[in-house]
Amino acid sequence: MRVMLGFFLFLCLCPALWADEMIIFASDDYRPITFRNEQGREDGIGYTLIKHYEQLSGNKVIVDMASWKRSYLLAEKGKGGIVGLSKTKARLEVFDFSEPFYESIVGLVVKKGKEFPFHSVADLKGKLISVTNAASYGEEFDNALVAKLFQVDVNYASDVRLKKLLYDRVDCAVVNNAEHSLDAMLKKDPELLNKRDQFVYLSKPLVRDPVHLAFHKSMKMQAFLVEFNHAIKDAKQKGLIPQ
């Protein structure tokens, strides 16, 4: 009887989990977390993890890939989850988070010949920095932006942001995992790819940013996140995603 009662209470805690197909929003240009590959198919560590969760749980998940800005806005309205979200104090008041499943290394890319010493956010003073819509690059960066230590140029498309860098319209570009994903970004545009030697990745990361699956608190998805945490652990143990 107690077992049945416990199971019933568990179901009541997560009515959205089995009543309908779950929607999780994702960026289509957030390597290596989520992106569309050269064949236009969904790919990335976060996508692989969601598919693994499906296999373990038997629950269907719809991955809706579009711009990061759209994904974030819809998740913020409680329309579904969002994969690849980093924690900030402000976001902790709005979202419930899974355990981290990957540490994204956020770095700076500059044009060759325009390198500068970079040791901390303070070294960005007075610069114009290309960033992605609705993205956070750590509390220190976000606070410095509010304090107007530097200015940002906001654009979603990575190829557009890199082209602005190439033509000296910005001083540097913030890129996730640039050391491993820069070449894939440059392939989007033949002109950028032909000038690969013009892009330099500064060796010190801007921030090491653990990323998570998250849901708006109004969705009451804590039970789902408990199951998803089991999928994270299992996927790492099986080598499906990086440790």
Protein backbone atom coordinates (compact mmCIF):
# COMPACT_ATOMS: atom_id res chain seq x y z
CA MET A 1 0.00 0.00 0.00
CA ARG A 2 2.81 2.41 0.91
CA VAL A 3 4.59 1.54 -2.32
CA MET A 4 1.48 2.31 -4.37
CA LEU A 5 0.95 5.57 -2.48
CA GLY A 6 4.57 6.60 -3.09
CA PHE A 7 4.27 5.84 -6.79
CA PHE A 8 1.04 7.83 -7.00
CA LEU A 9 2.67 10.83 -5.31
CA PHE A 10 5.62 10.60 -7.71
CA LEU A 11 3.25 10.80 -10.68
CA CYS A 12 1.47 13.78 -9.16
CA LEU A 13 4.76 15.65 -8.83
CA CYS A 14 5.43 15.52 -12.57
CA PRO A 15 2.11 15.59 -14.47
CA ALA A 16 3.73 16.98 -17.62
CA LEU A 17 6.23 14.14 -17.82
CA TRP A 18 3.96 11.42 -19.18
CA ALA A 19 0.82 13.36 -20.13
CA ASP A 20 2.36 14.85 -23.28
CA GLU A 21 5.53 14.74 -25.31
CA MET A 22 8.16 16.88 -23.62
CA ILE A 23 9.64 19.79 -25.60
CA ILE A 24 13.23 20.83 -25.01
CA PHE A 25 14.52 23.91 -26.81
CA ALA A 26 18.09 24.09 -28.09
CA SER A 27 20.38 26.27 -30.14
CA ASP A 28 21.20 25.11 -33.65
CA ASP A 29 24.62 26.81 -33.50
CA TYR A 30 26.09 26.00 -30.07
CA ARG A 31 28.96 23.60 -30.72
CA PRO A 32 29.58 21.10 -29.28
CA ILE A 33 26.43 21.25 -27.11
CA THR A 34 23.71 21.38 -29.78
CA PHE A 35 23.94 22.23 -33.46
CA ARG A 36 22.93 21.13 -36.94
CA ASN A 37 25.65 19.18 -38.69
CA GLU A 38 26.68 19.43 -42.33
CA GLN A 39 23.72 17.23 -43.30
CA GLY A 40 21.34 19.55 -41.45
CA ARG A 41 20.62 17.00 -38.73
CA GLU A 42 20.46 17.63 -35.00
CA ASP A 43 23.76 16.86 -33.31
CA GLY A 44 25.87 17.60 -30.27
CA ILE A 45 26.54 16.42 -26.73
CA GLY A 46 23.24 17.76 -25.40
CA TYR A 47 21.27 16.16 -28.23
CA THR A 48 23.00 12.80 -27.67
CA LEU A 49 22.18 13.02 -23.98
CA ILE A 50 18.50 13.74 -24.61
CA LYS A 51 18.27 10.77 -26.97
CA HIS A 52 19.93 8.59 -24.33
CA TYR A 53 17.38 9.77 -21.78
CA GLU A 54 14.62 8.75 -24.19
CA GLN A 55 16.06 5.24 -24.50
CA LEU A 56 16.44 4.79 -20.75
CA SER A 57 13.05 6.21 -19.77
CA GLY A 58 10.84 5.32 -22.72
CA ASN A 59 9.57 8.91 -22.69
CA LYS A 60 9.39 10.87 -25.94
CA VAL A 61 11.23 14.20 -26.12
CA ILE A 62 10.89 16.71 -28.95
CA VAL A 63 14.10 18.70 -29.49
CA ASP A 64 13.19 22.07 -30.99
CA MET A 65 16.36 23.63 -32.44
CA ALA A 66 16.45 27.26 -33.49
CA SER A 67 18.33 30.38 -32.39
CA TRP A 68 19.54 30.56 -28.82
CA LYS A 69 17.50 33.75 -28.28
CA ARG A 70 14.25 32.05 -29.35
CA SER A 71 15.05 28.96 -27.29
CA TYR A 72 15.75 30.99 -24.18
CA LEU A 73 12.66 33.18 -24.52
CA LEU A 74 10.36 30.17 -24.93
CA ALA A 75 11.96 28.34 -21.99
CA GLU A 76 11.63 31.52 -19.93
CA LYS A 77 7.89 31.46 -20.66
CA GLY A 78 7.64 27.86 -19.44
CA LYS A 79 6.91 26.41 -22.90
CA GLY A 80 9.53 23.67 -22.48
CA GLY A 81 13.01 22.95 -21.20
CA ILE A 82 16.28 24.33 -22.51
CA VAL A 83 19.51 22.40 -22.90
CA GLY A 84 22.94 23.99 -22.55
CA LEU A 85 21.98 26.64 -19.98
CA SER A 86 24.59 27.91 -17.52
CA LYS A 87 23.73 29.00 -14.00
CA THR A 88 23.64 32.61 -12.85
CA LYS A 89 22.12 34.13 -9.72
CA ALA A 90 19.30 35.60 -11.79
CA ARG A 91 18.58 32.33 -13.59
CA LEU A 92 18.51 30.35 -10.33
CA GLU A 93 15.46 32.40 -9.36
CA VAL A 94 13.68 31.42 -12.58
CA PHE A 95 14.83 27.91 -13.52
CA ASP A 96 15.32 24.48 -11.97
CA PHE A 97 18.55 22.88 -13.19
CA SER A 98 19.86 19.39 -13.81
CA GLU A 99 23.34 18.38 -12.75
CA PRO A 100 26.00 19.79 -15.14
CA PHE A 101 26.65 17.50 -18.08
CA TYR A 102 29.50 19.36 -19.82
CA GLU A 103 31.95 22.16 -19.08
CA SER A 104 31.89 24.62 -21.94
CA ILE A 105 35.16 26.50 -22.40
CA VAL A 106 34.24 30.00 -23.51
CA GLY A 107 37.07 31.82 -25.23
CA LEU A 108 37.97 34.88 -27.25
CA VAL A 109 38.83 34.98 -30.94
CA VAL A 110 40.69 37.98 -32.39
CA LYS A 111 41.98 38.97 -35.79
CA LYS A 112 45.62 38.15 -36.50
CA GLY A 113 47.80 41.12 -35.64
CA LYS A 114 45.19 42.47 -33.20
CA GLU A 115 46.05 40.13 -30.31
CA PHE A 116 46.13 41.62 -26.83
CA PRO A 117 47.19 40.34 -23.40
CA PHE A 118 44.22 38.70 -21.72
CA HIS A 119 44.32 37.54 -18.12
CA SER A 120 40.94 38.66 -16.76
CA VAL A 121 37.74 40.48 -17.72
CA ALA A 122 39.45 43.74 -16.72
CA ASP A 123 41.62 43.40 -19.85
CA LEU A 124 38.50 43.88 -21.99
CA LYS A 125 38.12 47.50 -20.91
CA GLY A 126 37.08 49.80 -23.75
CA LYS A 127 36.68 47.02 -26.30
CA LEU A 128 33.74 46.21 -28.57
CA ILE A 129 32.98 42.51 -28.19
CA SER A 130 30.83 40.33 -30.41
CA VAL A 131 28.43 38.13 -28.42
CA THR A 132 25.40 35.89 -28.94
CA ASN A 133 21.83 36.93 -28.18
CA ALA A 134 20.57 36.11 -24.66
CA ALA A 135 23.83 34.40 -23.68
CA SER A 136 25.61 34.68 -20.35
CA TYR A 137 29.39 34.41 -20.14
CA GLY A 138 29.72 34.18 -16.38
CA GLU A 139 28.90 36.53 -13.52
CA GLU A 140 32.14 38.51 -13.85
CA PHE A 141 31.59 39.22 -17.55
CA ASP A 142 27.89 40.02 -17.06
CA ASN A 143 28.62 42.41 -14.18
CA ALA A 144 31.36 44.14 -16.17
CA LEU A 145 28.92 44.62 -19.05
CA VAL A 146 26.37 46.22 -16.74
CA ALA A 147 29.15 48.47 -15.41
CA LYS A 148 29.95 49.47 -19.03
CA LEU A 149 33.56 48.33 -18.82
CA PHE A 150 33.17 47.39 -22.49
CA GLN A 151 30.48 47.36 -25.16
CA VAL A 152 28.92 44.39 -26.96
CA ASP A 153 27.75 43.84 -30.49
CA VAL A 154 24.93 41.27 -30.39
CA ASN A 155 24.34 38.86 -33.24
CA TYR A 156 23.12 35.27 -33.22
CA ALA A 157 24.90 33.83 -36.28
CA SER A 158 28.50 32.81 -35.61
CA ASP A 159 29.56 33.33 -39.24
CA VAL A 160 28.21 36.89 -39.20
CA ARG A 161 30.02 37.62 -35.93
CA LEU A 162 33.30 36.29 -37.31
CA LYS A 163 32.93 38.28 -40.49
CA LYS A 164 32.55 41.44 -38.42
CA LEU A 165 35.77 40.49 -36.68
CA LEU A 166 37.52 39.94 -40.01
CA TYR A 167 36.55 43.43 -41.21
CA ASP A 168 37.55 45.17 -37.96
CA ARG A 169 34.01 46.05 -36.91
CA VAL A 170 34.59 44.47 -33.49
CA ASP A 171 37.72 43.92 -31.39
CA CYS A 172 37.07 40.29 -30.49
CA ALA A 173 34.36 37.63 -30.53
CA VAL A 174 33.23 35.40 -27.69
CA VAL A 175 33.07 31.82 -28.96
CA ASN A 176 32.13 28.62 -27.15
CA ASN A 177 34.80 25.94 -27.38
CA ALA A 178 36.58 27.87 -30.12
CA GLU A 179 39.67 25.69 -29.92
CA HIS A 180 37.63 22.75 -31.24
CA SER A 181 34.69 24.39 -33.04
CA LEU A 182 36.17 27.44 -34.79
CA ASP A 183 36.92 25.57 -38.03
CA ALA A 184 33.33 24.29 -38.23
CA MET A 185 32.06 27.84 -37.84
CA LEU A 186 34.36 29.13 -40.57
CA LYS A 187 33.12 26.45 -42.99
CA LYS A 188 29.75 28.18 -43.10
CA ASP A 189 31.22 30.88 -45.32
CA PRO A 190 33.84 30.25 -48.07
CA GLU A 191 35.36 33.71 -47.54
CA LEU A 192 35.90 33.02 -43.84
CA LEU A 193 37.33 29.59 -44.53
CA ASN A 194 39.80 30.99 -47.09
CA LYS A 195 41.03 33.41 -44.45
CA ARG A 196 41.35 30.86 -41.65
CA ASP A 197 44.84 32.13 -40.81
CA GLN A 198 43.37 35.54 -39.90
CA PHE A 199 41.62 34.18 -36.79
CA VAL A 200 43.51 33.66 -33.55
CA TYR A 201 42.17 32.00 -30.42
CA LEU A 202 43.51 33.59 -27.23
CA SER A 203 44.94 30.83 -25.08
CA LYS A 204 43.35 31.80 -21.76
CA PRO A 205 39.61 31.02 -21.58
CA LEU A 206 37.18 33.78 -20.72
CA VAL A 207 35.32 31.34 -18.47
CA ARG A 208 34.82 27.63 -17.87
CA ASP A 209 31.06 27.30 -17.90
CA PRO A 210 29.23 24.14 -16.72
CA VAL A 211 26.00 23.70 -18.68
CA HIS A 212 22.73 22.04 -17.71
CA LEU A 213 19.22 21.13 -18.76
CA ALA A 214 16.77 23.55 -17.14
CA PHE A 215 13.03 24.16 -16.83
CA HIS A 216 11.10 27.19 -15.67
CA LYS A 217 10.08 26.69 -12.04
CA SER A 218 6.40 27.02 -12.98
CA MET A 219 6.64 23.72 -14.90
CA LYS A 220 7.47 21.78 -11.70
CA MET A 221 9.86 19.42 -13.46
CA GLN A 222 11.99 18.41 -10.49
CA ALA A 223 11.07 14.73 -10.89
CA PHE A 224 11.98 14.85 -14.58
CA LEU A 225 15.35 16.37 -13.68
CA VAL A 226 16.02 13.58 -11.18
CA GLU A 227 15.53 11.04 -14.00
CA PHE A 228 17.62 13.15 -16.36
CA ASN A 229 20.45 13.25 -13.83
CA HIS A 230 20.47 9.44 -13.88
CA ALA A 231 20.75 9.61 -17.69
CA ILE A 232 23.71 12.02 -17.41
CA LYS A 233 25.56 9.67 -15.08
CA ASP A 234 24.80 6.64 -17.23
CA ALA A 235 25.83 8.40 -20.47
CA LYS A 236 29.17 9.40 -18.94
CA GLN A 237 29.82 5.92 -17.62
CA LYS A 238 29.14 4.46 -21.07
CA GLY A 239 31.30 7.04 -22.84
CA LEU A 240 28.41 8.53 -24.80
CA ILE A 241 29.31 12.03 -23.63
CA PRO A 242 32.61 13.38 -22.23
CA GLN A 243 33.39 12.89 -18.55
